[in-house]
């Protein structure tokens, strides 16, 4: 398969200088741009999938009439967060 190019983007010289200053050792500007585009594509795909799951869940709740109270969800999340924090504090042997 032939590769394709992404259009060049004009930016302020200050932004280019900032990006170049942040490049990893041996990393090119092109590699940085490709990585950034891939990350944004993945993020947008994940956002779209998250939204689709939420809409399916809403449809299911409307169809079945089974809802979970927001306070219950928040309480469970707080319990999970507390458990995760306490697990981090336990020294590993």
Protein backbone atom coordinates (compact mmCIF):
# COMPACT_ATOMS: atom_id res chain seq x y z
CA UNK A 1 0.00 0.00 0.00
CA UNK A 2 1.29 3.42 -0.90
CA UNK A 3 1.61 5.94 1.88
CA UNK A 4 -0.28 9.22 1.82
CA UNK A 5 0.61 12.62 3.14
CA UNK A 6 -1.16 14.91 5.55
CA UNK A 7 -1.41 18.51 4.42
CA UNK A 8 1.19 20.84 5.82
CA UNK A 9 -0.04 23.24 8.45
CA UNK A 10 1.10 26.79 8.88
CA UNK A 11 1.81 27.73 12.49
CA UNK A 12 3.32 30.64 14.32
CA UNK A 13 7.12 30.43 14.57
CA UNK A 14 6.81 30.37 18.37
CA UNK A 15 4.69 27.19 18.26
CA UNK A 16 7.12 25.47 15.91
CA UNK A 17 10.03 26.41 18.18
CA UNK A 18 8.13 25.09 21.22
CA UNK A 19 7.39 21.79 19.45
CA UNK A 20 10.99 21.42 18.32
CA UNK A 21 12.18 22.06 21.87
CA UNK A 22 9.97 19.20 23.09
CA UNK A 23 11.05 16.60 20.57
CA UNK A 24 12.49 13.43 22.08
CA UNK A 25 16.08 12.58 21.28
CA UNK A 26 16.28 11.46 17.66
CA UNK A 27 12.60 12.30 17.02
CA UNK A 28 11.79 14.30 13.91
CA UNK A 29 9.12 16.93 13.55
CA UNK A 30 7.33 14.66 11.07
CA UNK A 31 7.31 11.79 13.59
CA UNK A 32 5.93 14.13 16.23
CA UNK A 33 3.15 15.32 13.92
CA UNK A 34 2.26 11.75 12.91
CA UNK A 35 2.15 10.66 16.54
CA UNK A 36 -0.02 13.64 17.45
CA UNK A 37 -2.44 12.92 14.62
CA UNK A 38 -2.66 9.24 15.62
CA UNK A 39 -3.33 10.16 19.25
CA UNK A 40 -6.06 12.61 18.26
CA UNK A 41 -7.66 10.04 15.94
CA UNK A 42 -7.69 7.49 18.77
CA UNK A 43 -9.09 10.04 21.21
CA UNK A 44 -11.88 11.02 18.82
CA UNK A 45 -12.68 7.35 18.11
CA UNK A 46 -12.83 6.66 21.85
CA UNK A 47 -15.08 9.68 22.40
CA UNK A 48 -17.44 8.54 19.64
CA UNK A 49 -17.57 5.00 21.06
CA UNK A 50 -18.18 6.36 24.57
CA UNK A 51 -21.03 8.51 23.31
CA UNK A 52 -22.52 5.58 21.37
CA UNK A 53 -22.39 3.36 24.49
CA UNK A 54 -24.06 6.08 26.53
CA UNK A 55 -26.83 6.53 23.99
CA UNK A 56 -27.39 2.75 23.83
CA UNK A 57 -27.54 2.66 27.61
CA UNK A 58 -30.06 5.51 27.64
CA UNK A 59 -32.20 3.75 25.05
CA UNK A 60 -32.04 0.54 27.08
CA UNK A 61 -33.02 2.37 30.27
CA UNK A 62 -35.96 4.02 28.52
CA UNK A 63 -37.03 0.70 27.03
CA UNK A 64 -36.77 -1.30 30.26
CA UNK A 65 -37.60 1.45 32.72
CA UNK A 66 -34.55 0.41 34.76
CA UNK A 67 -32.48 3.38 35.86
CA UNK A 68 -29.68 3.72 38.41
CA UNK A 69 -29.89 6.75 40.67
CA UNK A 70 -26.98 9.16 40.19
CA UNK A 71 -26.26 9.15 43.95
CA UNK A 72 -25.77 5.37 43.84
CA UNK A 73 -23.37 5.66 40.91
CA UNK A 74 -21.39 8.42 42.62
CA UNK A 75 -21.22 6.43 45.86
CA UNK A 76 -19.85 3.38 44.01
CA UNK A 77 -17.30 5.53 42.20
CA UNK A 78 -16.19 7.10 45.47
CA UNK A 79 -15.77 3.63 46.98
CA UNK A 80 -13.67 2.51 44.01
CA UNK A 81 -11.55 5.65 44.26
CA UNK A 82 -11.01 5.15 48.01
CA UNK A 83 -10.04 1.51 47.42
CA UNK A 84 -7.58 2.50 44.70
CA UNK A 85 -6.03 5.18 46.91
CA UNK A 86 -5.64 2.81 49.84
CA UNK A 87 -4.12 0.16 47.56
CA UNK A 88 -1.49 2.68 46.45
CA UNK A 89 -0.56 3.38 50.07
CA UNK A 90 0.10 -0.28 50.91
CA UNK A 91 3.84 -0.89 50.65
CA UNK A 92 4.78 -3.70 48.27
CA UNK A 93 6.95 -6.47 49.65
